[in-house]
N, C-alpha and C. Protein backbone atom coordinates (compact mmCIF):
# COMPACT_ATOMS: atom_id res chain seq x y z
N MET A 1 -15.93 27.92 37.12
CA MET A 1 -15.84 26.64 36.44
C MET A 1 -14.57 26.63 35.58
N SER A 2 -13.84 25.53 35.62
CA SER A 2 -12.63 25.43 34.80
C SER A 2 -12.99 25.17 33.35
N LEU A 3 -12.03 25.36 32.47
CA LEU A 3 -12.24 25.10 31.05
C LEU A 3 -12.59 23.64 30.81
N VAL A 4 -11.93 22.74 31.53
CA VAL A 4 -12.23 21.31 31.42
C VAL A 4 -13.69 21.05 31.80
N GLU A 5 -14.13 21.63 32.89
CA GLU A 5 -15.52 21.45 33.34
C GLU A 5 -16.51 22.04 32.34
N ILE A 6 -16.16 23.15 31.74
CA ILE A 6 -17.03 23.77 30.73
C ILE A 6 -17.22 22.81 29.56
N PHE A 7 -16.13 22.25 29.06
CA PHE A 7 -16.24 21.32 27.93
C PHE A 7 -16.97 20.04 28.32
N GLU A 8 -16.72 19.54 29.51
CA GLU A 8 -17.44 18.34 29.97
C GLU A 8 -18.94 18.61 30.02
N GLU A 9 -19.31 19.77 30.51
CA GLU A 9 -20.73 20.14 30.60
C GLU A 9 -21.34 20.30 29.21
N LEU A 10 -20.63 20.96 28.31
CA LEU A 10 -21.15 21.15 26.96
C LEU A 10 -21.36 19.81 26.25
N GLN A 11 -20.41 18.90 26.40
CA GLN A 11 -20.55 17.59 25.76
C GLN A 11 -21.68 16.79 26.40
N TRP A 12 -21.80 16.86 27.72
CA TRP A 12 -22.87 16.13 28.40
C TRP A 12 -24.24 16.65 27.94
N LYS A 13 -24.40 17.95 27.92
CA LYS A 13 -25.68 18.52 27.49
C LYS A 13 -25.98 18.19 26.03
N GLN A 14 -24.94 18.18 25.20
CA GLN A 14 -25.13 17.81 23.79
C GLN A 14 -25.62 16.37 23.68
N LYS A 15 -25.05 15.49 24.48
CA LYS A 15 -25.47 14.09 24.46
C LYS A 15 -26.93 13.96 24.87
N GLN A 16 -27.34 14.69 25.89
CA GLN A 16 -28.73 14.64 26.34
C GLN A 16 -29.67 15.17 25.26
N HIS A 17 -29.26 16.24 24.63
CA HIS A 17 -30.05 16.81 23.52
C HIS A 17 -30.20 15.78 22.40
N ASP A 18 -29.09 15.19 21.99
CA ASP A 18 -29.12 14.24 20.87
C ASP A 18 -29.98 13.03 21.18
N LYS A 19 -29.89 12.51 22.39
CA LYS A 19 -30.68 11.33 22.78
C LYS A 19 -32.18 11.62 22.72
N ARG A 20 -32.56 12.82 23.12
CA ARG A 20 -33.98 13.15 23.21
C ARG A 20 -34.56 13.71 21.91
N TYR A 21 -33.79 14.52 21.23
CA TYR A 21 -34.34 15.25 20.10
C TYR A 21 -33.90 14.75 18.72
N HIS A 22 -33.02 13.79 18.70
CA HIS A 22 -32.58 13.22 17.42
C HIS A 22 -32.55 11.70 17.52
N GLU A 23 -33.67 11.14 17.95
CA GLU A 23 -33.77 9.69 18.11
C GLU A 23 -33.49 8.96 16.81
N ASP A 24 -33.91 9.55 15.70
CA ASP A 24 -33.70 8.91 14.40
C ASP A 24 -32.22 8.67 14.12
N ILE A 25 -31.37 9.56 14.58
CA ILE A 25 -29.93 9.41 14.40
C ILE A 25 -29.33 8.59 15.54
N TRP A 26 -29.83 8.80 16.74
CA TRP A 26 -29.30 8.13 17.93
C TRP A 26 -29.38 6.60 17.82
N ILE A 27 -30.41 6.09 17.14
CA ILE A 27 -30.58 4.64 17.06
C ILE A 27 -29.73 4.00 15.96
N LEU A 28 -29.07 4.79 15.14
CA LEU A 28 -28.22 4.25 14.07
C LEU A 28 -26.96 3.62 14.65
N SER A 29 -26.28 2.81 13.86
CA SER A 29 -24.99 2.25 14.26
C SER A 29 -23.97 3.38 14.43
N VAL A 30 -22.90 3.09 15.12
CA VAL A 30 -21.84 4.08 15.31
C VAL A 30 -21.34 4.60 13.97
N GLN A 31 -21.10 3.69 13.03
CA GLN A 31 -20.60 4.10 11.71
C GLN A 31 -21.59 5.02 11.00
N SER A 32 -22.86 4.68 11.09
CA SER A 32 -23.88 5.50 10.42
C SER A 32 -24.02 6.87 11.09
N ARG A 33 -23.94 6.91 12.42
CA ARG A 33 -23.99 8.20 13.11
C ARG A 33 -22.78 9.06 12.73
N ALA A 34 -21.61 8.43 12.66
CA ALA A 34 -20.40 9.16 12.28
C ALA A 34 -20.55 9.73 10.87
N LYS A 35 -21.04 8.91 9.95
CA LYS A 35 -21.25 9.39 8.57
C LYS A 35 -22.21 10.58 8.56
N HIS A 36 -23.26 10.49 9.35
CA HIS A 36 -24.25 11.56 9.40
C HIS A 36 -23.59 12.87 9.87
N MET A 37 -22.79 12.78 10.92
CA MET A 37 -22.13 13.98 11.44
C MET A 37 -21.11 14.53 10.44
N ILE A 38 -20.40 13.64 9.76
CA ILE A 38 -19.44 14.10 8.76
C ILE A 38 -20.16 14.77 7.59
N LEU A 39 -21.33 14.27 7.23
CA LEU A 39 -22.13 14.95 6.21
C LEU A 39 -22.50 16.36 6.67
N HIS A 40 -22.89 16.48 7.94
CA HIS A 40 -23.18 17.82 8.48
C HIS A 40 -21.96 18.72 8.36
N LEU A 41 -20.80 18.21 8.78
CA LEU A 41 -19.58 19.03 8.74
C LEU A 41 -19.21 19.41 7.31
N ASN A 42 -19.41 18.48 6.37
CA ASN A 42 -19.19 18.81 4.95
C ASN A 42 -20.14 19.91 4.50
N LYS A 43 -21.39 19.82 4.94
CA LYS A 43 -22.37 20.86 4.61
C LYS A 43 -21.89 22.22 5.12
N TYR A 44 -21.40 22.25 6.36
CA TYR A 44 -20.95 23.53 6.92
C TYR A 44 -19.70 24.03 6.23
N SER A 45 -18.86 23.12 5.79
CA SER A 45 -17.68 23.53 5.02
C SER A 45 -18.11 24.32 3.78
N GLY A 46 -19.08 23.79 3.07
CA GLY A 46 -19.62 24.50 1.91
C GLY A 46 -20.28 25.80 2.29
N LYS A 47 -21.02 25.79 3.40
CA LYS A 47 -21.69 27.01 3.87
C LYS A 47 -20.67 28.10 4.21
N PHE A 48 -19.55 27.71 4.84
CA PHE A 48 -18.53 28.70 5.17
C PHE A 48 -18.07 29.44 3.92
N PHE A 49 -17.78 28.68 2.86
CA PHE A 49 -17.30 29.30 1.62
C PHE A 49 -18.40 30.14 0.96
N GLU A 50 -19.63 29.65 1.01
CA GLU A 50 -20.75 30.41 0.46
C GLU A 50 -20.92 31.73 1.22
N ASP A 51 -20.86 31.66 2.56
CA ASP A 51 -21.00 32.86 3.38
C ASP A 51 -19.87 33.85 3.11
N LEU A 52 -18.65 33.33 2.94
CA LEU A 52 -17.51 34.20 2.64
C LEU A 52 -17.65 34.85 1.27
N ARG A 53 -18.09 34.08 0.29
CA ARG A 53 -18.28 34.63 -1.06
C ARG A 53 -19.31 35.77 -1.02
N GLU A 54 -20.37 35.57 -0.24
CA GLU A 54 -21.43 36.58 -0.13
C GLU A 54 -21.10 37.67 0.89
N ASN A 55 -19.94 37.54 1.56
CA ASN A 55 -19.55 38.46 2.63
C ASN A 55 -20.64 38.59 3.69
N ASN A 56 -21.25 37.46 4.02
CA ASN A 56 -22.32 37.43 5.01
C ASN A 56 -21.78 36.85 6.32
N LEU A 57 -21.18 37.72 7.13
CA LEU A 57 -20.55 37.27 8.37
C LEU A 57 -21.57 36.84 9.41
N GLU A 58 -22.78 37.38 9.35
CA GLU A 58 -23.83 36.96 10.28
C GLU A 58 -24.18 35.49 10.07
N LYS A 59 -24.36 35.11 8.81
CA LYS A 59 -24.63 33.71 8.50
C LYS A 59 -23.43 32.83 8.86
N LEU A 60 -22.23 33.32 8.58
CA LEU A 60 -21.03 32.56 8.89
C LEU A 60 -20.95 32.28 10.39
N GLU A 61 -21.25 33.28 11.21
CA GLU A 61 -21.25 33.08 12.66
C GLU A 61 -22.24 31.99 13.06
N MET A 62 -23.43 32.02 12.48
CA MET A 62 -24.44 31.01 12.79
C MET A 62 -23.96 29.62 12.39
N HIS A 63 -23.34 29.52 11.22
CA HIS A 63 -22.87 28.22 10.74
C HIS A 63 -21.68 27.71 11.56
N VAL A 64 -20.85 28.61 12.06
CA VAL A 64 -19.75 28.19 12.94
C VAL A 64 -20.30 27.60 14.23
N ILE A 65 -21.31 28.24 14.81
CA ILE A 65 -21.94 27.69 16.03
C ILE A 65 -22.54 26.33 15.73
N ASP A 66 -23.24 26.20 14.62
CA ASP A 66 -23.82 24.90 14.24
C ASP A 66 -22.74 23.83 14.11
N ALA A 67 -21.61 24.19 13.52
CA ALA A 67 -20.52 23.22 13.34
C ALA A 67 -19.90 22.83 14.68
N ILE A 68 -19.80 23.77 15.61
CA ILE A 68 -19.31 23.44 16.96
C ILE A 68 -20.23 22.42 17.61
N ILE A 69 -21.53 22.63 17.48
CA ILE A 69 -22.53 21.70 18.03
C ILE A 69 -22.34 20.31 17.42
N ILE A 70 -22.19 20.25 16.12
CA ILE A 70 -22.02 18.96 15.44
C ILE A 70 -20.72 18.29 15.88
N ASN A 71 -19.67 19.07 16.07
CA ASN A 71 -18.41 18.47 16.52
C ASN A 71 -18.55 17.86 17.91
N PHE A 72 -19.33 18.49 18.78
CA PHE A 72 -19.60 17.89 20.09
C PHE A 72 -20.34 16.56 19.92
N SER A 73 -21.32 16.54 19.04
CA SER A 73 -22.06 15.29 18.78
C SER A 73 -21.13 14.21 18.25
N TYR A 74 -20.28 14.60 17.32
CA TYR A 74 -19.32 13.66 16.72
C TYR A 74 -18.38 13.12 17.80
N ALA A 75 -17.86 14.00 18.65
CA ALA A 75 -16.96 13.58 19.73
C ALA A 75 -17.66 12.60 20.67
N ASN A 76 -18.93 12.86 20.94
CA ASN A 76 -19.69 11.97 21.83
C ASN A 76 -19.85 10.57 21.24
N ILE A 77 -20.00 10.48 19.94
CA ILE A 77 -20.16 9.16 19.30
C ILE A 77 -18.96 8.28 19.62
N PHE A 78 -17.77 8.86 19.59
CA PHE A 78 -16.54 8.09 19.81
C PHE A 78 -16.00 8.23 21.23
N GLN A 79 -16.79 8.82 22.11
CA GLN A 79 -16.38 8.99 23.51
C GLN A 79 -15.04 9.72 23.63
N VAL A 80 -14.90 10.78 22.86
CA VAL A 80 -13.68 11.59 22.90
C VAL A 80 -13.96 12.84 23.74
N PRO A 81 -13.34 12.94 24.90
CA PRO A 81 -13.55 14.15 25.71
C PRO A 81 -12.75 15.32 25.15
N ILE A 82 -13.46 16.29 24.60
CA ILE A 82 -12.79 17.47 24.06
C ILE A 82 -12.00 18.18 25.16
N SER A 83 -12.47 18.06 26.38
CA SER A 83 -11.80 18.70 27.53
C SER A 83 -10.36 18.24 27.69
N LYS A 84 -10.03 17.05 27.20
CA LYS A 84 -8.68 16.50 27.35
C LYS A 84 -7.62 17.45 26.79
N LYS A 85 -7.94 18.11 25.71
CA LYS A 85 -6.99 19.03 25.08
C LYS A 85 -6.67 20.22 25.98
N TYR A 86 -7.57 20.54 26.90
CA TYR A 86 -7.45 21.77 27.67
C TYR A 86 -7.09 21.53 29.14
N GLU A 87 -6.62 20.33 29.45
CA GLU A 87 -6.30 20.00 30.84
C GLU A 87 -5.18 20.87 31.42
N THR A 88 -4.29 21.36 30.60
CA THR A 88 -3.17 22.18 31.09
C THR A 88 -3.46 23.68 31.02
N PHE A 89 -4.64 24.05 30.59
CA PHE A 89 -5.00 25.47 30.44
C PHE A 89 -5.58 25.99 31.77
N ASN A 90 -4.81 25.89 32.83
CA ASN A 90 -5.31 26.21 34.18
C ASN A 90 -5.68 27.67 34.37
N ALA A 91 -5.04 28.56 33.65
CA ALA A 91 -5.28 29.99 33.83
C ALA A 91 -6.51 30.49 33.06
N ILE A 92 -7.11 29.62 32.26
CA ILE A 92 -8.26 30.02 31.44
C ILE A 92 -9.52 29.40 32.02
N ASN A 93 -10.51 30.25 32.31
CA ASN A 93 -11.72 29.78 32.97
C ASN A 93 -13.00 30.06 32.20
N SER A 94 -12.89 30.40 30.93
CA SER A 94 -14.09 30.62 30.13
C SER A 94 -13.75 30.43 28.65
N LEU A 95 -14.79 30.18 27.87
CA LEU A 95 -14.57 30.08 26.42
C LEU A 95 -14.18 31.43 25.83
N ASN A 96 -14.68 32.51 26.41
CA ASN A 96 -14.28 33.84 25.93
C ASN A 96 -12.76 34.03 26.07
N GLU A 97 -12.21 33.60 27.21
CA GLU A 97 -10.76 33.69 27.41
C GLU A 97 -10.01 32.79 26.43
N LEU A 98 -10.57 31.61 26.16
CA LEU A 98 -9.95 30.70 25.20
C LEU A 98 -9.93 31.30 23.80
N ILE A 99 -11.03 31.93 23.42
CA ILE A 99 -11.11 32.58 22.10
C ILE A 99 -10.06 33.70 22.01
N GLU A 100 -9.87 34.42 23.10
CA GLU A 100 -8.83 35.46 23.13
C GLU A 100 -7.44 34.86 22.89
N LEU A 101 -7.21 33.69 23.47
CA LEU A 101 -5.93 33.01 23.25
C LEU A 101 -5.75 32.63 21.78
N TYR A 102 -6.83 32.16 21.16
CA TYR A 102 -6.78 31.84 19.73
C TYR A 102 -6.50 33.09 18.89
N LYS A 103 -7.05 34.24 19.31
CA LYS A 103 -6.79 35.49 18.59
C LYS A 103 -5.30 35.82 18.58
N LYS A 104 -4.66 35.59 19.72
CA LYS A 104 -3.24 35.92 19.85
C LYS A 104 -2.34 34.95 19.11
N SER A 105 -2.80 33.70 18.98
CA SER A 105 -1.91 32.67 18.43
C SER A 105 -2.12 32.39 16.94
N SER A 106 -3.20 32.90 16.36
CA SER A 106 -3.48 32.61 14.95
C SER A 106 -3.16 33.81 14.07
N SER A 107 -2.39 33.55 13.02
CA SER A 107 -2.05 34.62 12.08
C SER A 107 -2.70 34.41 10.72
N LYS A 108 -3.55 33.39 10.63
CA LYS A 108 -4.17 33.06 9.34
C LYS A 108 -5.35 33.98 9.06
N ASP A 109 -5.60 34.21 7.77
CA ASP A 109 -6.79 34.95 7.39
C ASP A 109 -7.98 33.98 7.37
N ILE A 110 -9.16 34.53 7.28
CA ILE A 110 -10.37 33.73 7.42
C ILE A 110 -10.52 32.69 6.31
N LEU A 111 -10.09 33.03 5.11
CA LEU A 111 -10.18 32.07 4.01
C LEU A 111 -9.32 30.84 4.28
N ASN A 112 -8.12 31.04 4.77
CA ASN A 112 -7.24 29.91 5.07
C ASN A 112 -7.74 29.08 6.25
N ILE A 113 -8.40 29.72 7.19
CA ILE A 113 -8.99 28.96 8.30
C ILE A 113 -10.12 28.08 7.76
N ALA A 114 -10.95 28.64 6.87
CA ALA A 114 -12.03 27.86 6.26
C ALA A 114 -11.46 26.71 5.42
N ILE A 115 -10.36 26.96 4.75
CA ILE A 115 -9.70 25.90 3.97
C ILE A 115 -9.20 24.80 4.91
N ASP A 116 -8.62 25.18 6.05
CA ASP A 116 -8.18 24.18 7.04
C ASP A 116 -9.35 23.31 7.49
N PHE A 117 -10.50 23.94 7.70
CA PHE A 117 -11.70 23.19 8.10
C PHE A 117 -12.06 22.18 7.02
N ALA A 118 -12.09 22.64 5.77
CA ALA A 118 -12.45 21.75 4.65
C ALA A 118 -11.46 20.59 4.53
N ILE A 119 -10.19 20.86 4.73
CA ILE A 119 -9.18 19.80 4.65
C ILE A 119 -9.41 18.76 5.75
N SER A 120 -9.66 19.22 6.98
CA SER A 120 -9.91 18.28 8.08
C SER A 120 -11.15 17.44 7.84
N VAL A 121 -12.21 18.08 7.36
CA VAL A 121 -13.45 17.34 7.08
C VAL A 121 -13.22 16.35 5.94
N GLY A 122 -12.44 16.74 4.96
CA GLY A 122 -12.09 15.81 3.88
C GLY A 122 -11.34 14.59 4.39
N LYS A 123 -10.43 14.80 5.33
CA LYS A 123 -9.69 13.68 5.93
C LYS A 123 -10.63 12.77 6.73
N MET A 124 -11.58 13.38 7.44
CA MET A 124 -12.57 12.58 8.16
C MET A 124 -13.36 11.72 7.18
N SER A 125 -13.76 12.33 6.08
CA SER A 125 -14.54 11.61 5.06
C SER A 125 -13.74 10.44 4.50
N LYS A 126 -12.45 10.66 4.26
CA LYS A 126 -11.59 9.59 3.74
C LYS A 126 -11.51 8.43 4.74
N THR A 127 -11.42 8.75 6.02
CA THR A 127 -11.36 7.70 7.03
C THR A 127 -12.62 6.86 7.04
N ILE A 128 -13.78 7.51 6.95
CA ILE A 128 -15.05 6.77 6.93
C ILE A 128 -15.18 5.97 5.65
N GLU A 129 -14.74 6.54 4.53
CA GLU A 129 -14.76 5.81 3.27
C GLU A 129 -13.87 4.57 3.36
N SER A 130 -12.70 4.71 3.96
CA SER A 130 -11.78 3.57 4.13
C SER A 130 -12.40 2.50 5.01
N LEU A 131 -13.15 2.92 6.00
CA LEU A 131 -13.85 1.96 6.87
C LEU A 131 -14.85 1.15 6.06
N ASP A 132 -15.59 1.81 5.17
CA ASP A 132 -16.55 1.10 4.31
C ASP A 132 -15.85 0.05 3.45
N HIS A 133 -14.65 0.38 2.97
CA HIS A 133 -13.90 -0.54 2.10
C HIS A 133 -13.04 -1.52 2.89
N VAL A 134 -13.03 -1.38 4.22
CA VAL A 134 -12.20 -2.19 5.12
C VAL A 134 -10.73 -2.13 4.68
N GLU A 135 -10.29 -0.93 4.36
CA GLU A 135 -8.90 -0.71 3.95
C GLU A 135 -7.98 -0.66 5.16
N GLN A 136 -6.68 -0.81 4.92
CA GLN A 136 -5.69 -0.61 5.98
C GLN A 136 -5.72 0.87 6.35
N HIS A 137 -6.11 1.17 7.57
CA HIS A 137 -6.26 2.57 7.97
C HIS A 137 -6.34 2.63 9.49
N SER A 138 -5.80 3.67 10.07
CA SER A 138 -5.88 3.87 11.53
C SER A 138 -7.17 4.61 11.85
N TYR A 139 -8.29 3.91 11.73
CA TYR A 139 -9.61 4.53 11.86
C TYR A 139 -9.77 5.31 13.15
N ARG A 140 -9.67 4.60 14.26
CA ARG A 140 -9.98 5.21 15.54
C ARG A 140 -9.04 6.37 15.87
N GLU A 141 -7.75 6.16 15.67
CA GLU A 141 -6.79 7.23 15.95
C GLU A 141 -7.10 8.47 15.12
N ASN A 142 -7.37 8.27 13.84
CA ASN A 142 -7.66 9.40 12.97
C ASN A 142 -8.95 10.09 13.35
N LEU A 143 -10.01 9.30 13.57
CA LEU A 143 -11.31 9.90 13.90
C LEU A 143 -11.23 10.68 15.21
N ASN A 144 -10.50 10.16 16.18
CA ASN A 144 -10.33 10.88 17.45
C ASN A 144 -9.54 12.17 17.23
N HIS A 145 -8.48 12.09 16.45
CA HIS A 145 -7.61 13.24 16.20
C HIS A 145 -8.37 14.37 15.50
N TYR A 146 -9.23 14.02 14.56
CA TYR A 146 -9.95 15.04 13.79
C TYR A 146 -10.90 15.85 14.65
N VAL A 147 -11.41 15.27 15.74
CA VAL A 147 -12.26 16.03 16.66
C VAL A 147 -11.52 17.30 17.09
N PHE A 148 -10.25 17.14 17.45
CA PHE A 148 -9.47 18.27 17.95
C PHE A 148 -9.07 19.23 16.82
N ASP A 149 -8.74 18.68 15.65
CA ASP A 149 -8.44 19.54 14.50
C ASP A 149 -9.63 20.44 14.16
N ILE A 150 -10.80 19.82 14.11
CA ILE A 150 -12.02 20.56 13.79
C ILE A 150 -12.28 21.63 14.86
N GLN A 151 -12.17 21.24 16.14
CA GLN A 151 -12.42 22.20 17.23
C GLN A 151 -11.46 23.38 17.15
N ASP A 152 -10.17 23.09 16.90
CA ASP A 152 -9.19 24.18 16.77
C ASP A 152 -9.57 25.13 15.65
N THR A 153 -9.95 24.57 14.53
CA THR A 153 -10.31 25.40 13.38
C THR A 153 -11.54 26.24 13.67
N LEU A 154 -12.52 25.63 14.33
CA LEU A 154 -13.75 26.37 14.65
C LEU A 154 -13.47 27.50 15.65
N PHE A 155 -12.62 27.24 16.63
CA PHE A 155 -12.29 28.31 17.58
C PHE A 155 -11.44 29.39 16.92
N SER A 156 -10.64 29.01 15.93
CA SER A 156 -9.90 30.02 15.16
C SER A 156 -10.88 30.91 14.39
N LEU A 157 -11.92 30.30 13.84
CA LEU A 157 -12.97 31.09 13.17
C LEU A 157 -13.67 32.00 14.16
N CYS A 158 -13.98 31.48 15.35
CA CYS A 158 -14.61 32.31 16.39
C CYS A 158 -13.71 33.51 16.72
N ALA A 159 -12.42 33.25 16.85
CA ALA A 159 -11.48 34.33 17.17
C ALA A 159 -11.45 35.38 16.06
N TYR A 160 -11.38 34.93 14.82
CA TYR A 160 -11.34 35.86 13.69
C TYR A 160 -12.62 36.71 13.64
N LEU A 161 -13.76 36.07 13.94
CA LEU A 161 -15.05 36.75 13.87
C LEU A 161 -15.39 37.51 15.16
N ASN A 162 -14.50 37.45 16.15
CA ASN A 162 -14.74 38.07 17.46
C ASN A 162 -16.01 37.54 18.12
N LEU A 163 -16.28 36.26 17.94
CA LEU A 163 -17.45 35.65 18.57
C LEU A 163 -17.18 35.47 20.06
N THR A 164 -18.14 35.85 20.87
CA THR A 164 -18.06 35.64 22.31
C THR A 164 -19.33 34.95 22.78
N ASN A 165 -19.34 34.57 24.04
CA ASN A 165 -20.51 33.93 24.65
C ASN A 165 -20.97 32.72 23.84
N ILE A 166 -20.03 31.87 23.51
CA ILE A 166 -20.30 30.68 22.69
C ILE A 166 -21.35 29.79 23.36
N GLU A 167 -21.22 29.60 24.69
CA GLU A 167 -22.18 28.72 25.38
C GLU A 167 -23.61 29.21 25.21
N GLU A 168 -23.80 30.53 25.31
CA GLU A 168 -25.14 31.09 25.17
C GLU A 168 -25.66 30.93 23.74
N LYS A 169 -24.78 31.08 22.78
CA LYS A 169 -25.19 30.91 21.38
C LYS A 169 -25.57 29.45 21.10
N ILE A 170 -24.83 28.52 21.68
CA ILE A 170 -25.18 27.10 21.53
C ILE A 170 -26.54 26.84 22.18
N GLU A 171 -26.72 27.35 23.38
CA GLU A 171 -27.99 27.15 24.10
C GLU A 171 -29.16 27.70 23.30
N LYS A 172 -29.02 28.90 22.79
CA LYS A 172 -30.09 29.53 22.00
C LYS A 172 -30.41 28.70 20.76
N ARG A 173 -29.38 28.24 20.08
CA ARG A 173 -29.58 27.45 18.86
C ARG A 173 -30.29 26.13 19.15
N LEU A 174 -29.82 25.41 20.16
CA LEU A 174 -30.42 24.11 20.46
C LEU A 174 -31.83 24.26 21.03
N TYR A 175 -32.04 25.30 21.82
CA TYR A 175 -33.38 25.54 22.35
C TYR A 175 -34.36 25.80 21.19
N SER A 176 -33.91 26.54 20.18
CA SER A 176 -34.79 26.82 19.04
C SER A 176 -35.14 25.53 18.29
N VAL A 177 -34.20 24.60 18.20
CA VAL A 177 -34.47 23.30 17.56
C VAL A 177 -35.44 22.50 18.42
N GLU A 178 -35.18 22.46 19.72
CA GLU A 178 -36.00 21.66 20.64
C GLU A 178 -37.43 22.15 20.71
N SER A 179 -37.62 23.46 20.72
CA SER A 179 -38.96 24.02 20.90
C SER A 179 -39.91 23.67 19.76
N LYS A 180 -39.38 23.21 18.64
CA LYS A 180 -40.22 22.81 17.51
C LYS A 180 -40.73 21.37 17.63
N ASN A 181 -40.19 20.62 18.59
CA ASN A 181 -40.56 19.22 18.77
C ASN A 181 -41.90 19.11 19.48
N MET A 182 -42.76 18.21 19.02
CA MET A 182 -44.09 18.08 19.62
C MET A 182 -44.04 17.62 21.08
N SER A 183 -42.95 17.00 21.51
CA SER A 183 -42.82 16.52 22.89
C SER A 183 -41.94 17.44 23.73
N PHE A 184 -41.75 18.64 23.28
CA PHE A 184 -40.86 19.60 23.93
C PHE A 184 -41.12 19.72 25.43
N LYS A 185 -42.37 19.86 25.83
CA LYS A 185 -42.70 20.07 27.25
C LYS A 185 -42.41 18.84 28.09
N ARG A 186 -42.40 17.67 27.48
CA ARG A 186 -42.17 16.43 28.23
C ARG A 186 -40.70 16.01 28.26
N LEU A 187 -39.91 16.50 27.33
CA LEU A 187 -38.52 16.06 27.21
C LEU A 187 -37.53 16.92 27.99
N GLY A 188 -37.96 18.10 28.39
CA GLY A 188 -37.02 19.04 28.96
C GLY A 188 -36.27 19.73 27.84
N ASN A 189 -35.31 20.57 28.21
CA ASN A 189 -34.60 21.31 27.17
C ASN A 189 -33.21 21.72 27.61
N TYR A 190 -32.46 22.19 26.66
CA TYR A 190 -31.06 22.58 26.87
C TYR A 190 -30.94 23.69 27.91
N SER A 191 -31.90 24.61 27.91
CA SER A 191 -31.82 25.77 28.80
C SER A 191 -32.09 25.44 30.26
N SER A 192 -33.17 24.71 30.52
CA SER A 192 -33.57 24.48 31.92
C SER A 192 -33.33 23.05 32.39
N GLY A 193 -32.83 22.20 31.53
CA GLY A 193 -32.52 20.83 31.92
C GLY A 193 -33.46 19.82 31.27
N TYR A 194 -32.96 18.61 31.18
CA TYR A 194 -33.72 17.53 30.53
C TYR A 194 -34.41 16.68 31.58
N LEU A 195 -35.54 16.11 31.18
CA LEU A 195 -36.31 15.25 32.10
C LEU A 195 -35.94 13.80 31.91
């Protein structure tokens, strides 16, 4: 599977998960769903710094995976194919290989990567705030652009933490969320497919 196909599949599965297991958010307006996802990303920004302060890399890894999941949801709201960024990466056929590329290209320490994440999320928040005020602002261009900024920062964190098998970690996390739902057996799941 190509890198583009991997991202297309991850986004598609995320959309199916969100439609079935987060109906309360799915029925909101686009603006409200975007705000909800940005609140999640702000939460993870704080968690990253908390985890770093406590030197708890296990928790940090978990929160990075959660933030990747939320970024897929956010991208889906605005119909932004994350795969678009990787169309020219023909020699890379897995997320593990992509993470290796990030290891080679990033010279930042983990604190500065977390700061980059916080800055990007702050910019997203400003865009949504400007939308509420109907200010002069390039809403769509900015919101689309931040999807890629966030993804780059998250993969830089994965590289720094030597995280591998991202797809499996996403699957495990979403399956654990889904299995708590009372309609789990009727809705299908991330691991074996949705009904």
